[in-house]
PDB file of N, CA and C in Angstrom:
ATOM      1  N   MET A   1      94.809 118.390 118.284  1.00  0.00           N
ATOM      2  CA  MET A   1      94.850 118.389 116.954  1.00  0.00           C
ATOM      3  C   MET A   1      95.124 116.990 116.458  1.00  0.00           C
ATOM      4  N   LEU A   2      94.482 116.548 115.392  1.00  0.00           N
ATOM      5  CA  LEU A   2      94.645 115.321 114.739  1.00  0.00           C
ATOM      6  C   LEU A   2      95.761 115.413 113.710  1.00  0.00           C
ATOM      7  N   LEU A   3      96.749 114.350 113.668  1.00  0.00           N
ATOM      8  CA  LEU A   3      97.827 114.389 112.797  1.00  0.00           C
ATOM      9  C   LEU A   3      97.840 112.943 112.063  1.00  0.00           C
ATOM     10  N   HIS A   4      98.154 112.973 110.830  1.00  0.00           N
ATOM     11  CA  HIS A   4      98.312 111.825 110.026  1.00  0.00           C
ATOM     12  C   HIS A   4      99.785 111.671 109.856  1.00  0.00           C
ATOM     13  N   ILE A   5     100.426 110.576 110.150  1.00  0.00           N
ATOM     14  CA  ILE A   5     101.835 110.290 109.975  1.00  0.00           C
ATOM     15  C   ILE A   5     102.094 109.169 109.063  1.00  0.00           C
ATOM     16  N   ARG A   6     102.913 109.398 108.154  1.00  0.00           N
ATOM     17  CA  ARG A   6     103.454 108.309 107.271  1.00  0.00           C
ATOM     18  C   ARG A   6     104.950 108.225 107.534  1.00  0.00           C
ATOM     19  N   HIS A   7     105.376 107.056 108.086  1.00  0.00           N
ATOM     20  CA  HIS A   7     106.904 106.821 108.270  1.00  0.00           C
ATOM     21  C   HIS A   7     107.308 105.779 107.216  1.00  0.00           C
ATOM     22  N   HIS A   8     108.403 106.122 106.602  1.00  0.00           N
ATOM     23  CA  HIS A   8     108.974 105.214 105.649  1.00  0.00           C
ATOM     24  C   HIS A   8     110.475 104.996 105.825  1.00  0.00           C
ATOM     25  N   HIS A   9     110.770 103.671 105.652  1.00  0.00           N
ATOM     26  CA  HIS A   9     112.232 103.333 105.640  1.00  0.00           C
ATOM     27  C   HIS A   9     112.418 102.379 104.444  1.00  0.00           C
ATOM     28  N   ASP A  10     113.600 102.075 104.130  1.00  0.00           N
ATOM     29  CA  ASP A  10     113.850 101.150 103.050  1.00  0.00           C
ATOM     30  C   ASP A  10     114.471  99.852 103.568  1.00  0.00           C
ATOM     31  N   GLU A  11     114.777  98.974 102.694  1.00  0.00           N
ATOM     32  CA  GLU A  11     115.291  97.639 103.032  1.00  0.00           C
ATOM     33  C   GLU A  11     116.614  97.724 103.749  1.00  0.00           C
ATOM     34  N   LYS A  12     117.315  98.834 103.509  1.00  0.00           N
ATOM     35  CA  LYS A  12     118.657  98.973 104.112  1.00  0.00           C
ATOM     36  C   LYS A  12     118.632  99.399 105.506  1.00  0.00           C
ATOM     37  N   THR A  13     117.552 100.058 105.940  1.00  0.00           N
ATOM     38  CA  THR A  13     117.484 100.520 107.323  1.00  0.00           C
ATOM     39  C   THR A  13     116.391  99.770 108.092  1.00  0.00           C
ATOM     40  N   CYS A  14     115.697  98.796 107.406  1.00  0.00           N
ATOM     41  CA  CYS A  14     114.677  98.061 108.090  1.00  0.00           C
ATOM     42  C   CYS A  14     115.223  97.162 109.169  1.00  0.00           C
ATOM     43  N   PRO A  15     114.605  97.332 110.390  1.00  0.00           N
ATOM     44  CA  PRO A  15     114.980  96.468 111.511  1.00  0.00           C
ATOM     45  C   PRO A  15     114.491  95.147 111.547  1.00  0.00           C
ATOM     46  N   ALA A  16     113.575  94.785 110.584  1.00  0.00           N
ATOM     47  CA  ALA A  16     113.038  93.391 110.581  1.00  0.00           C
ATOM     48  C   ALA A  16     114.176  92.382 110.517  1.00  0.00           C
ATOM     49  N   GLY A  17     114.036  91.409 111.210  1.00  0.00           N
ATOM     50  CA  GLY A  17     114.958  90.276 111.198  1.00  0.00           C
ATOM     51  C   GLY A  17     115.910  90.374 112.348  1.00  0.00           C
ATOM     52  N   ASP A  18     115.884  91.542 113.082  1.00  0.00           N
ATOM     53  CA  ASP A  18     116.737  91.718 114.235  1.00  0.00           C
ATOM     54  C   ASP A  18     115.823  92.145 115.378  1.00  0.00           C
ATOM     55  N   THR A  19     115.498  91.212 116.211  1.00  0.00           N
ATOM     56  CA  THR A  19     114.535  91.395 117.336  1.00  0.00           C
ATOM     57  C   THR A  19     114.838  92.507 118.170  1.00  0.00           C
ATOM     58  N   GLU A  20     116.120  92.682 118.506  1.00  0.00           N
ATOM     59  CA  GLU A  20     116.550  93.810 119.431  1.00  0.00           C
ATOM     60  C   GLU A  20     116.316  95.107 118.647  1.00  0.00           C
ATOM     61  N   ARG A  21     116.642  95.335 117.410  1.00  0.00           N
ATOM     62  CA  ARG A  21     116.363  96.505 116.638  1.00  0.00           C
ATOM     63  C   ARG A  21     114.867  96.814 116.580  1.00  0.00           C
ATOM     64  N   VAL A  22     114.133  95.743 116.367  1.00  0.00           N
ATOM     65  CA  VAL A  22     112.624  96.040 116.168  1.00  0.00           C
ATOM     66  C   VAL A  22     112.119  96.451 117.527  1.00  0.00           C
ATOM     67  N   ALA A  23     112.496  95.806 118.604  1.00  0.00           N
ATOM     68  CA  ALA A  23     112.011  96.124 120.006  1.00  0.00           C
ATOM     69  C   ALA A  23     112.493  97.645 120.349  1.00  0.00           C
ATOM     70  N   ALA A  24     113.659  98.019 119.936  1.00  0.00           N
ATOM     71  CA  ALA A  24     114.254  99.332 120.254  1.00  0.00           C
ATOM     72  C   ALA A  24     113.574 100.479 119.440  1.00  0.00           C
ATOM     73  N   SER A  25     113.038 100.098 118.194  1.00  0.00           N
ATOM     74  CA  SER A  25     112.462 101.081 117.304  1.00  0.00           C
ATOM     75  C   SER A  25     110.955 101.035 117.233  1.00  0.00           C
ATOM     76  N   PHE A  26     110.400 100.357 116.335  1.00  0.00           N
ATOM     77  CA  PHE A  26     108.967 100.290 116.144  1.00  0.00           C
ATOM     78  C   PHE A  26     108.274  99.604 117.236  1.00  0.00           C
ATOM     79  N   GLY A  27     108.950  98.741 117.908  1.00  0.00           N
ATOM     80  CA  GLY A  27     108.295  97.988 119.072  1.00  0.00           C
ATOM     81  C   GLY A  27     108.044  98.822 120.278  1.00  0.00           C
ATOM     82  N   SER A  28     108.892  99.854 120.322  1.00  0.00           N
ATOM     83  CA  SER A  28     108.648 100.823 121.482  1.00  0.00           C
ATOM     84  C   SER A  28     107.915 102.064 121.066  1.00  0.00           C
ATOM     85  N   LEU A  29     107.516 102.255 119.791  1.00  0.00           N
ATOM     86  CA  LEU A  29     106.837 103.352 119.278  1.00  0.00           C
ATOM     87  C   LEU A  29     105.594 103.744 120.024  1.00  0.00           C
ATOM     88  N   LEU A  30     104.600 102.868 120.132  1.00  0.00           N
ATOM     89  CA  LEU A  30     103.335 103.128 120.746  1.00  0.00           C
ATOM     90  C   LEU A  30     103.438 103.419 122.179  1.00  0.00           C
ATOM     91  N   PRO A  31     104.223 102.649 122.931  1.00  0.00           N
ATOM     92  CA  PRO A  31     104.354 103.088 124.387  1.00  0.00           C
ATOM     93  C   PRO A  31     105.050 104.402 124.582  1.00  0.00           C
ATOM     94  N   ALA A  32     106.029 104.641 123.715  1.00  0.00           N
ATOM     95  CA  ALA A  32     106.755 105.977 123.747  1.00  0.00           C
ATOM     96  C   ALA A  32     105.854 107.158 123.528  1.00  0.00           C
ATOM     97  N   LEU A  33     104.947 107.064 122.528  1.00  0.00           N
ATOM     98  CA  LEU A  33     103.976 108.076 122.228  1.00  0.00           C
ATOM     99  C   LEU A  33     103.078 108.323 123.490  1.00  0.00           C
ATOM    100  N   GLN A  34     102.560 107.261 123.976  1.00  0.00           N
ATOM    101  CA  GLN A  34     101.667 107.328 125.140  1.00  0.00           C
ATOM    102  C   GLN A  34     102.407 108.073 126.287  1.00  0.00           C
ATOM    103  N   THR A  35     103.661 107.617 126.575  1.00  0.00           N
ATOM    104  CA  THR A  35     104.427 108.114 127.637  1.00  0.00           C
ATOM    105  C   THR A  35     104.548 109.698 127.409  1.00  0.00           C
ATOM    106  N   ALA A  36     104.679 110.098 126.180  1.00  0.00           N
ATOM    107  CA  ALA A  36     104.920 111.536 125.741  1.00  0.00           C
ATOM    108  C   ALA A  36     103.661 112.292 125.822  1.00  0.00           C
ATOM    109  N   GLY A  37     102.553 111.607 126.101  1.00  0.00           N
ATOM    110  CA  GLY A  37     101.226 112.308 126.192  1.00  0.00           C
ATOM    111  C   GLY A  37     100.550 112.414 124.905  1.00  0.00           C
ATOM    112  N   VAL A  38     100.896 111.701 123.891  1.00  0.00           N
ATOM    113  CA  VAL A  38     100.320 111.659 122.584  1.00  0.00           C
ATOM    114  C   VAL A  38      99.314 110.434 122.505  1.00  0.00           C
ATOM    115  N   THR A  39      98.016 110.807 122.095  1.00  0.00           N
ATOM    116  CA  THR A  39      97.036 109.800 121.961  1.00  0.00           C
ATOM    117  C   THR A  39      97.070 109.151 120.618  1.00  0.00           C
ATOM    118  N   VAL A  40      97.277 107.794 120.507  1.00  0.00           N
ATOM    119  CA  VAL A  40      97.199 107.105 119.218  1.00  0.00           C
ATOM    120  C   VAL A  40      95.876 106.712 118.813  1.00  0.00           C
ATOM    121  N   VAL A  41      95.306 107.321 117.895  1.00  0.00           N
ATOM    122  CA  VAL A  41      93.909 106.954 117.400  1.00  0.00           C
ATOM    123  C   VAL A  41      93.963 105.600 116.624  1.00  0.00           C
ATOM    124  N   GLY A  42      95.014 105.408 115.870  1.00  0.00           N
ATOM    125  CA  GLY A  42      95.144 104.199 115.118  1.00  0.00           C
ATOM    126  C   GLY A  42      96.542 104.082 114.585  1.00  0.00           C
ATOM    127  N   ALA A  43      96.966 102.827 114.262  1.00  0.00           N
ATOM    128  CA  ALA A  43      98.283 102.611 113.727  1.00  0.00           C
ATOM    129  C   ALA A  43      98.209 101.417 112.758  1.00  0.00           C
ATOM    130  N   TRP A  44      98.888 101.531 111.660  1.00  0.00           N
ATOM    131  CA  TRP A  44      98.907 100.446 110.669  1.00  0.00           C
ATOM    132  C   TRP A  44     100.200 100.350 110.001  1.00  0.00           C
ATOM    133  N   VAL A  45     100.445  99.261 109.398  1.00  0.00           N
ATOM    134  CA  VAL A  45     101.776  98.964 108.645  1.00  0.00           C
ATOM    135  C   VAL A  45     101.484  98.224 107.445  1.00  0.00           C
ATOM    136  N   ASP A  46     102.236  98.556 106.363  1.00  0.00           N
ATOM    137  CA  ASP A  46     102.351  97.825 105.116  1.00  0.00           C
ATOM    138  C   ASP A  46     103.756  97.204 105.021  1.00  0.00           C
ATOM    139  N   PRO A  47     103.998  96.082 105.479  1.00  0.00           N
ATOM    140  CA  PRO A  47     105.410  95.610 105.607  1.00  0.00           C
ATOM    141  C   PRO A  47     106.101  95.583 104.355  1.00  0.00           C
ATOM    142  N   PRO A  48     105.543  95.052 103.162  1.00  0.00           N
ATOM    143  CA  PRO A  48     106.257  95.033 101.940  1.00  0.00           C
ATOM    144  C   PRO A  48     106.750  96.376 101.460  1.00  0.00           C
ATOM    145  N   SER A  49     106.021  97.528 101.738  1.00  0.00           N
ATOM    146  CA  SER A  49     106.478  98.702 101.256  1.00  0.00           C
ATOM    147  C   SER A  49     107.282  99.488 102.394  1.00  0.00           C
ATOM    148  N   HIS A  50     107.435  98.874 103.546  1.00  0.00           N
ATOM    149  CA  HIS A  50     108.170  99.505 104.657  1.00  0.00           C
ATOM    150  C   HIS A  50     107.477 100.784 105.101  1.00  0.00           C
ATOM    151  N   ASP A  51     106.202 100.919 105.032  1.00  0.00           N
ATOM    152  CA  ASP A  51     105.445 102.089 105.408  1.00  0.00           C
ATOM    153  C   ASP A  51     104.653 101.859 106.648  1.00  0.00           C
ATOM    154  N   PHE A  52     104.596 102.730 107.578  1.00  0.00           N
ATOM    155  CA  PHE A  52     103.829 102.782 108.733  1.00  0.00           C
ATOM    156  C   PHE A  52     102.929 104.012 108.695  1.00  0.00           C
ATOM    157  N   PHE A  53     101.696 103.783 109.098  1.00  0.00           N
ATOM    158  CA  PHE A  53     100.684 104.914 109.129  1.00  0.00           C
ATOM    159  C   PHE A  53     100.095 105.031 110.502  1.00  0.00           C
ATOM    160  N   LEU A  54     100.094 106.303 110.994  1.00  0.00           N
ATOM    161  CA  LEU A  54      99.415 106.495 112.338  1.00  0.00           C
ATOM    162  C   LEU A  54      98.570 107.764 112.241  1.00  0.00           C
ATOM    163  N   VAL A  55      97.528 107.708 112.976  1.00  0.00           N
ATOM    164  CA  VAL A  55      96.719 108.933 113.324  1.00  0.00           C
ATOM    165  C   VAL A  55      96.867 109.104 114.783  1.00  0.00           C
ATOM    166  N   VAL A  56      97.223 110.298 115.170  1.00  0.00           N
ATOM    167  CA  VAL A  56      97.480 110.659 116.524  1.00  0.00           C
ATOM    168  C   VAL A  56      96.824 111.878 116.869  1.00  0.00           C
ATOM    169  N   GLU A  57      96.673 112.183 118.143  1.00  0.00           N
ATOM    170  CA  GLU A  57      96.090 113.387 118.640  1.00  0.00           C
ATOM    171  C   GLU A  57      97.034 114.022 119.726  1.00  0.00           C
ATOM    172  N   THR A  58      97.440 115.317 119.434  1.00  0.00           N
ATOM    173  CA  THR A  58      98.250 115.940 120.323  1.00  0.00           C
ATOM    174  C   THR A  58      98.172 117.496 120.048  1.00  0.00           C
ATOM    175  N   ASP A  59      98.431 118.311 121.051  1.00  0.00           N
ATOM    176  CA  ASP A  59      98.489 119.700 120.780  1.00  0.00           C
ATOM    177  C   ASP A  59      99.901 120.240 120.942  1.00  0.00           C
ATOM    178  N   ASN A  60     100.844 119.255 121.129  1.00  0.00           N
ATOM    179  CA  ASN A  60     102.294 119.687 121.352  1.00  0.00           C
ATOM    180  C   ASN A  60     103.162 118.923 120.376  1.00  0.00           C
ATOM    181  N   TYR A  61     103.675 119.565 119.423  1.00  0.00           N
ATOM    182  CA  TYR A  61     104.576 119.021 118.411  1.00  0.00           C
ATOM    183  C   TYR A  61     105.815 118.343 119.074  1.00  0.00           C
ATOM    184  N   GLU A  62     106.271 119.063 120.035  1.00  0.00           N
ATOM    185  CA  GLU A  62     107.577 118.564 120.755  1.00  0.00           C
ATOM    186  C   GLU A  62     107.274 117.199 121.396  1.00  0.00           C
ATOM    187  N   ASP A  63     106.087 117.005 122.021  1.00  0.00           N
ATOM    188  CA  ASP A  63     105.707 115.760 122.671  1.00  0.00           C
ATOM    189  C   ASP A  63     105.671 114.674 121.437  1.00  0.00           C
ATOM    190  N   LEU A  64     105.190 115.006 120.242  1.00  0.00           N
ATOM    191  CA  LEU A  64     105.061 114.073 119.247  1.00  0.00           C
ATOM    192  C   LEU A  64     106.563 113.645 118.780  1.00  0.00           C
ATOM    193  N   LEU A  65     107.425 114.556 118.655  1.00  0.00           N
ATOM    194  CA  LEU A  65     108.793 114.320 118.274  1.00  0.00           C
ATOM    195  C   LEU A  65     109.512 113.457 119.443  1.00  0.00           C
ATOM    196  N   GLU A  66     109.193 113.733 120.647  1.00  0.00           N
ATOM    197  CA  GLU A  66     109.789 112.941 121.699  1.00  0.00           C
ATOM    198  C   GLU A  66     109.217 111.427 121.567  1.00  0.00           C
ATOM    199  N   GLY A  67     107.982 111.266 121.304  1.00  0.00           N
ATOM    200  CA  GLY A  67     107.418 109.960 121.224  1.00  0.00           C
ATOM    201  C   GLY A  67     107.896 109.121 120.064  1.00  0.00           C
ATOM    202  N   MET A  68     108.227 109.875 119.009  1.00  0.00           N
ATOM    203  CA  MET A  68     108.770 109.285 117.729  1.00  0.00           C
ATOM    204  C   MET A  68     110.260 109.129 117.599  1.00  0.00           C
ATOM    205  N   ALA A  69     110.932 109.463 118.750  1.00  0.00           N
ATOM    206  CA  ALA A  69     112.483 109.527 118.692  1.00  0.00           C
ATOM    207  C   ALA A  69     113.090 108.261 118.283  1.00  0.00           C
ATOM    208  N   THR A  70     112.425 107.083 118.672  1.00  0.00           N
ATOM    209  CA  THR A  70     113.129 105.810 118.393  1.00  0.00           C
ATOM    210  C   THR A  70     113.067 105.378 116.824  1.00  0.00           C
ATOM    211  N   ILE A  71     112.096 106.014 116.170  1.00  0.00           N
ATOM    212  CA  ILE A  71     111.974 105.581 114.666  1.00  0.00           C
ATOM    213  C   ILE A  71     112.489 106.629 113.774  1.00  0.00           C
ATOM    214  N   ILE A  72     112.848 107.811 114.277  1.00  0.00           N
ATOM    215  CA  ILE A  72     113.458 108.857 113.505  1.00  0.00           C
ATOM    216  C   ILE A  72     114.688 108.483 112.736  1.00  0.00           C
ATOM    217  N   PRO A  73     115.577 107.832 113.519  1.00  0.00           N
ATOM    218  CA  PRO A  73     116.896 107.348 112.786  1.00  0.00           C
ATOM    219  C   PRO A  73     116.692 106.352 111.724  1.00  0.00           C
ATOM    220  N   VAL A  74     115.658 105.593 111.728  1.00  0.00           N
ATOM    221  CA  VAL A  74     115.373 104.499 110.898  1.00  0.00           C
ATOM    222  C   VAL A  74     114.924 104.878 109.468  1.00  0.00           C
ATOM    223  N   GLY A  75     114.223 106.048 109.378  1.00  0.00           N
ATOM    224  CA  GLY A  75     113.653 106.468 108.126  1.00  0.00           C
ATOM    225  C   GLY A  75     113.165 107.966 108.201  1.00  0.00           C
ATOM    226  N   SER A  76     112.218 108.233 107.402  1.00  0.00           N
ATOM    227  CA  SER A  76     111.704 109.624 107.420  1.00  0.00           C
ATOM    228  C   SER A  76     110.211 109.638 107.597  1.00  0.00           C
ATOM    229  N   ALA A  77     109.603 110.724 108.062  1.00  0.00           N
ATOM    230  CA  ALA A  77     108.253 110.817 108.314  1.00  0.00           C
ATOM    231  C   ALA A  77     107.549 112.092 107.624  1.00  0.00           C
ATOM    232  N   THR A  78     106.365 111.942 107.293  1.00  0.00           N
ATOM    233  CA  THR A  78     105.564 112.942 106.839  1.00  0.00           C
ATOM    234  C   THR A  78     104.520 113.140 107.921  1.00  0.00           C
ATOM    235  N   ILE A  79     104.294 114.332 108.359  1.00  0.00           N
ATOM    236  CA  ILE A  79     103.281 114.628 109.405  1.00  0.00           C
ATOM    237  C   ILE A  79     102.376 115.697 108.877  1.00  0.00           C
ATOM    238  N   GLN A  80     101.021 115.314 108.867  1.00  0.00           N
ATOM    239  CA  GLN A  80     100.187 116.307 108.306  1.00  0.00           C
ATOM    240  C   GLN A  80      98.912 116.422 109.286  1.00  0.00           C
ATOM    241  N   PRO A  81      98.434 117.723 109.542  1.00  0.00           N
ATOM    242  CA  PRO A  81      97.273 117.788 110.211  1.00  0.00           C
ATOM    243  C   PRO A  81      96.083 117.507 109.496  1.00  0.00           C
ATOM    244  N   VAL A  82      95.090 116.823 110.080  1.00  0.00           N
ATOM    245  CA  VAL A  82      93.926 116.487 109.455  1.00  0.00           C
ATOM    246  C   VAL A  82      92.692 116.787 110.283  1.00  0.00           C
ATOM    247  N   VAL A  83      91.538 116.800 109.617  1.00  0.00           N
ATOM    248  CA  VAL A  83      90.263 117.058 110.381  1.00  0.00           C
ATOM    249  C   VAL A  83      89.287 115.912 110.039  1.00  0.00           C
ATOM    250  N   ASP A  84      88.360 115.731 110.948  1.00  0.00           N
ATOM    251  CA  ASP A  84      87.371 114.720 110.687  1.00  0.00           C
ATOM    252  C   ASP A  84      86.521 115.038 109.411  1.00  0.00           C
ATOM    253  N   MET A  85      86.428 114.218 108.480  1.00  0.00           N
ATOM    254  CA  MET A  85      85.820 114.574 107.203  1.00  0.00           C
ATOM    255  C   MET A  85      84.357 114.782 107.374  1.00  0.00           C
ATOM    256  N   LYS A  86      83.642 114.011 108.103  1.00  0.00           N
ATOM    257  CA  LYS A  86      82.231 114.224 108.406  1.00  0.00           C
ATOM    258  C   LYS A  86      81.936 115.620 109.004  1.00  0.00           C
ATOM    259  N   ALA A  87      82.710 116.019 110.001  1.00  0.00           N
ATOM    260  CA  ALA A  87      82.583 117.288 110.716  1.00  0.00           C
ATOM    261  C   ALA A  87      83.003 118.437 109.657  1.00  0.00           C
ATOM    262  N   GLN A  88      83.856 118.180 108.824  1.00  0.00           N
ATOM    263  CA  GLN A  88      84.198 119.267 107.829  1.00  0.00           C
ATOM    264  C   GLN A  88      83.144 119.427 106.825  1.00  0.00           C
ATOM    265  N   MET A  89      82.518 118.331 106.332  1.00  0.00           N
ATOM    266  CA  MET A  89      81.399 118.472 105.426  1.00  0.00           C
ATOM    267  C   MET A  89      80.196 119.197 106.038  1.00  0.00           C
ATOM    268  N   GLU A  90      79.984 118.847 107.274  1.00  0.00           N
ATOM    269  CA  GLU A  90      78.854 119.559 108.012  1.00  0.00           C
ATOM    270  C   GLU A  90      79.118 121.138 108.130  1.00  0.00           C
ATOM    271  N   ARG A  91      80.391 121.453 108.427  1.00  0.00           N
ATOM    272  CA  ARG A  91      80.668 122.851 108.417  1.00  0.00           C
ATOM    273  C   ARG A  91      80.583 123.479 106.975  1.00  0.00           C
ATOM    274  N   SER A  92      81.051 122.730 105.999  1.00  0.00           N
ATOM    275  CA  SER A  92      81.053 123.274 104.727  1.00  0.00           C
ATOM    276  C   SER A  92      79.623 123.467 104.104  1.00  0.00           C
ATOM    277  N   THR A  93      78.647 122.714 104.574  1.00  0.00           N
ATOM    278  CA  THR A  93      77.323 122.773 103.984  1.00  0.00           C
ATOM    279  C   THR A  93      76.316 123.397 104.998  1.00  0.00           C
ATOM    280  N   ALA A  94      76.848 123.992 106.158  1.00  0.00           N
ATOM    281  CA  ALA A  94      75.992 124.487 107.101  1.00  0.00           C
ATOM    282  C   ALA A  94      75.196 125.706 106.585  1.00  0.00           C
ATOM    283  N   ASN A  95      75.732 126.503 105.612  1.00  0.00           N
ATOM    284  CA  ASN A  95      75.166 127.740 105.312  1.00  0.00           C
ATOM    285  C   ASN A  95      74.295 127.710 104.018  1.00  0.00           C
TER     286      ASN A  95
END
C-alpha cells in the first residue's frame, strides 16, 4: 500500500542547529524506515515551514511506526493511503 506522510514540527521542537538531534531524528529516518522493511518512494522537505513529505510503500502499519519512531517525539504526522492517479483514472474510465 502506498502512503503519503506529512510530518510537521514547529520552531520550538525543530532539531536544526543541533547536529546530534538532527542525526538522531530526521537524519536517521530514511535508514530506519528501510530497516523496518518500508520502501521509501520519495522524501522531500520544506525547511521554512518545518514540513517533511514522504511517499512510502508498506503493508504493515506497525513497521511504518517503528521506522518513524525517531521523529514522532519531534512533531506530528498525518498518514494517508494513496493510489496511483493514472491507474485510478484508467480504472474509472474502463467501462
